Amino acid sequence: MSSYIHFTDEQKAQARQTDIVSLLESQGETVKRSGKEFVWKDGAQKVTVRGNLWFHQYERDGGDAIGFVRRFYNKSYPEEVEYLLGECGGTFKTSHPPL
C-alpha cells in the first residue's frame, strides 16, 4: 500500500508542463525533430512529442507529461509527480502548451 502524498496545484501544474523531449534525452533516449514536433520510437512504434504533450501514433492515445510517465515508465500518480519534480534535481525544462 502506498502512502498518500499531497501535491500543491502548482507542483502538479509544474509536473504536467515538463518538456518531454528533455525528459527523454536525460534518460539517454534518441529523439528526432520532424517539423514542429519530435519523434521518439517506442520499440517499433512511433510517438510524437510537442513540448509537454505526446501522441502514440499507432494506439491513437496521448496526453501530458504526467500521462507520459505513467504510460512509458509504469509509475503511479504520486511516483509520476515526484519523478517529474525531482528528476535531474528539478532542472527539467518546462514548456507552455501549444497555441
N, C-alpha and C. Protein backbone atom coordinates (compact mmCIF):
# COMPACT_ATOMS: atom_id res chain seq x y z
N MET A 1 0.85 -1.17 0.00
CA MET A 1 0.00 0.00 0.00
C MET A 1 0.89 1.24 0.00
N SER A 2 0.64 2.16 -0.92
CA SER A 2 1.46 3.38 -0.96
C SER A 2 0.83 4.43 -0.07
N SER A 3 1.67 5.26 0.49
CA SER A 3 1.17 6.31 1.37
C SER A 3 0.75 7.52 0.54
N TYR A 4 -0.18 8.29 1.10
CA TYR A 4 -0.69 9.48 0.42
C TYR A 4 0.37 10.57 0.42
N ILE A 5 0.53 11.20 -0.72
CA ILE A 5 1.45 12.32 -0.84
C ILE A 5 0.66 13.51 -1.35
N HIS A 6 0.69 14.60 -0.64
CA HIS A 6 -0.03 15.80 -1.07
C HIS A 6 0.85 16.64 -1.98
N PHE A 7 0.32 16.99 -3.13
CA PHE A 7 1.00 17.91 -4.05
C PHE A 7 0.15 19.15 -4.20
N THR A 8 0.79 20.30 -4.20
CA THR A 8 0.05 21.54 -4.42
C THR A 8 -0.37 21.62 -5.88
N ASP A 9 -1.34 22.49 -6.16
CA ASP A 9 -1.75 22.68 -7.56
C ASP A 9 -0.57 23.15 -8.40
N GLU A 10 0.30 23.97 -7.81
CA GLU A 10 1.48 24.47 -8.54
C GLU A 10 2.44 23.33 -8.87
N GLN A 11 2.63 22.41 -7.93
CA GLN A 11 3.52 21.27 -8.18
C GLN A 11 2.95 20.38 -9.29
N LYS A 12 1.65 20.14 -9.25
CA LYS A 12 1.01 19.31 -10.29
C LYS A 12 1.12 19.99 -11.65
N ALA A 13 0.89 21.30 -11.68
CA ALA A 13 1.00 22.04 -12.95
C ALA A 13 2.43 22.01 -13.47
N GLN A 14 3.41 22.17 -12.57
CA GLN A 14 4.82 22.13 -12.98
C GLN A 14 5.17 20.77 -13.55
N ALA A 15 4.71 19.70 -12.91
CA ALA A 15 4.99 18.35 -13.40
C ALA A 15 4.36 18.15 -14.78
N ARG A 16 3.11 18.62 -14.97
CA ARG A 16 2.42 18.48 -16.26
C ARG A 16 3.15 19.21 -17.38
N GLN A 17 3.82 20.30 -17.05
CA GLN A 17 4.48 21.13 -18.06
C GLN A 17 5.90 20.69 -18.38
N THR A 18 6.35 19.59 -17.82
CA THR A 18 7.70 19.09 -18.09
C THR A 18 7.88 18.85 -19.59
N ASP A 19 8.98 19.33 -20.11
CA ASP A 19 9.30 19.13 -21.53
C ASP A 19 9.69 17.67 -21.73
N ILE A 20 8.89 16.94 -22.50
CA ILE A 20 9.10 15.50 -22.67
C ILE A 20 10.38 15.20 -23.43
N VAL A 21 10.74 16.02 -24.40
CA VAL A 21 12.00 15.79 -25.13
C VAL A 21 13.18 15.86 -24.17
N SER A 22 13.20 16.86 -23.30
CA SER A 22 14.28 16.96 -22.30
C SER A 22 14.28 15.75 -21.38
N LEU A 23 13.10 15.30 -20.99
CA LEU A 23 12.98 14.12 -20.14
C LEU A 23 13.58 12.90 -20.84
N LEU A 24 13.18 12.68 -22.09
CA LEU A 24 13.70 11.53 -22.83
C LEU A 24 15.21 11.61 -23.01
N GLU A 25 15.71 12.77 -23.39
CA GLU A 25 17.15 12.93 -23.60
C GLU A 25 17.91 12.70 -22.30
N SER A 26 17.35 13.11 -21.16
CA SER A 26 18.01 12.89 -19.87
C SER A 26 18.08 11.41 -19.54
N GLN A 27 17.21 10.61 -20.15
CA GLN A 27 17.20 9.16 -19.94
C GLN A 27 18.02 8.42 -21.00
N GLY A 28 18.72 9.18 -21.86
CA GLY A 28 19.56 8.56 -22.87
C GLY A 28 18.81 8.13 -24.12
N GLU A 29 17.56 8.57 -24.25
CA GLU A 29 16.75 8.19 -25.41
C GLU A 29 17.08 9.10 -26.60
N THR A 30 16.86 8.58 -27.80
CA THR A 30 17.08 9.35 -29.02
C THR A 30 15.75 9.91 -29.50
N VAL A 31 15.74 11.20 -29.72
CA VAL A 31 14.54 11.90 -30.19
C VAL A 31 14.94 12.68 -31.44
N LYS A 32 14.14 12.57 -32.49
CA LYS A 32 14.46 13.26 -33.74
C LYS A 32 13.40 14.30 -34.06
N ARG A 33 13.86 15.45 -34.55
CA ARG A 33 12.93 16.51 -34.95
C ARG A 33 12.24 16.10 -36.25
N SER A 34 10.93 16.40 -36.32
CA SER A 34 10.13 16.16 -37.52
C SER A 34 9.17 17.33 -37.66
N GLY A 35 9.60 18.37 -38.38
CA GLY A 35 8.79 19.59 -38.49
C GLY A 35 8.74 20.31 -37.16
N LYS A 36 7.52 20.60 -36.68
CA LYS A 36 7.34 21.29 -35.40
C LYS A 36 7.35 20.33 -34.22
N GLU A 37 7.39 19.05 -34.51
CA GLU A 37 7.32 18.03 -33.47
C GLU A 37 8.63 17.26 -33.39
N PHE A 38 8.68 16.38 -32.42
CA PHE A 38 9.79 15.43 -32.28
C PHE A 38 9.19 14.04 -32.35
N VAL A 39 10.01 13.08 -32.77
CA VAL A 39 9.57 11.69 -32.86
C VAL A 39 10.48 10.85 -31.97
N TRP A 40 9.85 10.00 -31.17
CA TRP A 40 10.54 9.05 -30.32
C TRP A 40 9.99 7.68 -30.64
N LYS A 41 10.87 6.70 -30.77
CA LYS A 41 10.45 5.33 -31.08
C LYS A 41 10.27 4.55 -29.78
N ASP A 42 9.07 4.01 -29.62
CA ASP A 42 8.75 3.11 -28.51
C ASP A 42 8.77 1.71 -29.11
N GLY A 43 9.94 1.11 -29.12
CA GLY A 43 10.12 -0.14 -29.86
C GLY A 43 10.01 0.16 -31.33
N ALA A 44 9.10 -0.50 -32.02
CA ALA A 44 8.91 -0.24 -33.45
C ALA A 44 7.81 0.80 -33.69
N GLN A 45 7.22 1.29 -32.61
CA GLN A 45 6.10 2.22 -32.75
C GLN A 45 6.54 3.66 -32.54
N LYS A 46 5.82 4.59 -33.16
CA LYS A 46 6.21 5.99 -33.16
C LYS A 46 5.35 6.82 -32.20
N VAL A 47 6.04 7.65 -31.41
CA VAL A 47 5.39 8.58 -30.51
C VAL A 47 5.84 9.98 -30.91
N THR A 48 4.89 10.88 -31.17
CA THR A 48 5.26 12.26 -31.47
C THR A 48 5.15 13.08 -30.20
N VAL A 49 6.05 14.07 -30.09
CA VAL A 49 6.13 14.90 -28.90
C VAL A 49 6.20 16.36 -29.33
N ARG A 50 5.44 17.19 -28.65
CA ARG A 50 5.50 18.63 -28.85
C ARG A 50 5.41 19.27 -27.48
N GLY A 51 6.56 19.75 -26.98
CA GLY A 51 6.59 20.36 -25.64
C GLY A 51 6.28 19.34 -24.57
N ASN A 52 5.18 19.59 -23.84
CA ASN A 52 4.79 18.69 -22.76
C ASN A 52 3.69 17.71 -23.18
N LEU A 53 3.40 17.66 -24.48
CA LEU A 53 2.34 16.78 -24.98
C LEU A 53 2.89 15.68 -25.86
N TRP A 54 2.28 14.50 -25.80
CA TRP A 54 2.71 13.36 -26.60
C TRP A 54 1.50 12.70 -27.24
N PHE A 55 1.76 11.96 -28.33
CA PHE A 55 0.71 11.21 -29.01
C PHE A 55 1.31 9.94 -29.59
N HIS A 56 0.74 8.80 -29.21
CA HIS A 56 1.18 7.50 -29.70
C HIS A 56 0.44 7.23 -31.01
N GLN A 57 1.17 7.23 -32.12
CA GLN A 57 0.57 7.17 -33.45
C GLN A 57 -0.24 5.90 -33.71
N TYR A 58 0.18 4.76 -33.21
CA TYR A 58 -0.49 3.51 -33.51
C TYR A 58 -1.65 3.24 -32.57
N GLU A 59 -1.51 3.62 -31.32
CA GLU A 59 -2.57 3.38 -30.35
C GLU A 59 -3.57 4.52 -30.29
N ARG A 60 -3.27 5.62 -30.98
CA ARG A 60 -4.15 6.80 -31.01
C ARG A 60 -4.45 7.29 -29.60
N ASP A 61 -3.39 7.40 -28.79
CA ASP A 61 -3.50 7.80 -27.40
C ASP A 61 -2.45 8.85 -27.12
N GLY A 62 -2.72 9.75 -26.20
CA GLY A 62 -1.74 10.77 -25.88
C GLY A 62 -2.10 11.49 -24.60
N GLY A 63 -1.33 12.55 -24.30
CA GLY A 63 -1.60 13.31 -23.09
C GLY A 63 -0.43 14.21 -22.74
N ASP A 64 -0.36 14.56 -21.46
CA ASP A 64 0.69 15.46 -20.99
C ASP A 64 1.84 14.66 -20.38
N ALA A 65 2.79 15.38 -19.77
CA ALA A 65 3.99 14.72 -19.23
C ALA A 65 3.66 13.70 -18.14
N ILE A 66 2.66 13.98 -17.31
CA ILE A 66 2.30 13.02 -16.27
C ILE A 66 1.80 11.72 -16.90
N GLY A 67 0.94 11.83 -17.89
CA GLY A 67 0.45 10.65 -18.58
C GLY A 67 1.55 9.90 -19.31
N PHE A 68 2.54 10.65 -19.81
CA PHE A 68 3.68 10.03 -20.49
C PHE A 68 4.45 9.13 -19.54
N VAL A 69 4.74 9.64 -18.35
CA VAL A 69 5.49 8.85 -17.36
C VAL A 69 4.67 7.64 -16.93
N ARG A 70 3.36 7.80 -16.79
CA ARG A 70 2.50 6.67 -16.43
C ARG A 70 2.57 5.60 -17.51
N ARG A 71 2.44 6.01 -18.76
CA ARG A 71 2.36 5.07 -19.89
C ARG A 71 3.68 4.36 -20.17
N PHE A 72 4.78 5.13 -20.18
CA PHE A 72 6.04 4.57 -20.64
C PHE A 72 7.02 4.20 -19.52
N TYR A 73 6.78 4.69 -18.30
CA TYR A 73 7.67 4.36 -17.18
C TYR A 73 6.94 3.58 -16.09
N ASN A 74 5.65 3.29 -16.33
CA ASN A 74 4.85 2.44 -15.43
C ASN A 74 4.91 2.89 -13.97
N LYS A 75 4.63 4.16 -13.72
CA LYS A 75 4.63 4.68 -12.36
C LYS A 75 3.21 5.07 -11.95
N SER A 76 2.96 5.07 -10.65
CA SER A 76 1.67 5.53 -10.12
C SER A 76 1.65 7.06 -10.13
N TYR A 77 0.48 7.65 -9.90
CA TYR A 77 0.38 9.11 -9.93
C TYR A 77 1.36 9.80 -8.98
N PRO A 78 1.42 9.40 -7.69
CA PRO A 78 2.39 10.06 -6.81
C PRO A 78 3.84 9.88 -7.29
N GLU A 79 4.16 8.68 -7.80
CA GLU A 79 5.51 8.44 -8.31
C GLU A 79 5.79 9.31 -9.54
N GLU A 80 4.78 9.47 -10.39
CA GLU A 80 4.95 10.29 -11.60
C GLU A 80 5.29 11.73 -11.25
N VAL A 81 4.49 12.30 -10.35
CA VAL A 81 4.70 13.70 -9.98
C VAL A 81 6.05 13.87 -9.29
N GLU A 82 6.36 12.99 -8.35
CA GLU A 82 7.67 13.06 -7.69
C GLU A 82 8.80 12.93 -8.70
N TYR A 83 8.67 12.01 -9.63
CA TYR A 83 9.68 11.77 -10.66
C TYR A 83 9.88 13.02 -11.50
N LEU A 84 8.79 13.62 -11.95
CA LEU A 84 8.88 14.80 -12.81
C LEU A 84 9.41 16.02 -12.05
N LEU A 85 9.06 16.14 -10.79
CA LEU A 85 9.54 17.28 -10.00
C LEU A 85 10.97 17.09 -9.52
N GLY A 86 11.38 15.84 -9.29
CA GLY A 86 12.67 15.59 -8.68
C GLY A 86 13.77 15.11 -9.59
N GLU A 87 13.41 14.54 -10.73
CA GLU A 87 14.42 14.00 -11.65
C GLU A 87 15.37 15.11 -12.08
N CYS A 88 16.64 14.80 -12.18
CA CYS A 88 17.68 15.76 -12.58
C CYS A 88 17.70 16.98 -11.66
N GLY A 89 17.44 16.77 -10.39
CA GLY A 89 17.49 17.89 -9.44
C GLY A 89 16.46 18.96 -9.75
N GLY A 90 15.36 18.57 -10.40
CA GLY A 90 14.32 19.55 -10.72
C GLY A 90 14.70 20.49 -11.84
N THR A 91 15.66 20.09 -12.70
CA THR A 91 16.11 21.01 -13.74
C THR A 91 15.45 20.78 -15.09
N PHE A 92 14.40 19.98 -15.15
CA PHE A 92 13.71 19.79 -16.43
C PHE A 92 13.23 21.13 -16.93
N LYS A 93 13.32 21.30 -18.25
CA LYS A 93 12.72 22.48 -18.86
C LYS A 93 11.21 22.26 -18.85
N THR A 94 10.47 23.31 -18.61
CA THR A 94 9.03 23.21 -18.76
C THR A 94 8.64 23.94 -20.02
N SER A 95 7.56 23.50 -20.61
CA SER A 95 7.10 24.13 -21.84
C SER A 95 5.68 24.60 -21.66
N HIS A 96 5.31 25.58 -22.44
CA HIS A 96 3.95 26.10 -22.38
C HIS A 96 3.12 25.34 -23.40
N PRO A 97 1.83 25.14 -23.12
CA PRO A 97 1.01 24.39 -24.07
C PRO A 97 1.02 25.08 -25.44
N PRO A 98 0.99 24.30 -26.50
CA PRO A 98 0.99 24.90 -27.84
C PRO A 98 -0.27 25.72 -28.06
N LEU A 99 -0.14 26.76 -28.81
CA LEU A 99 -1.30 27.63 -29.09
C LEU A 99 -2.20 27.03 -30.13
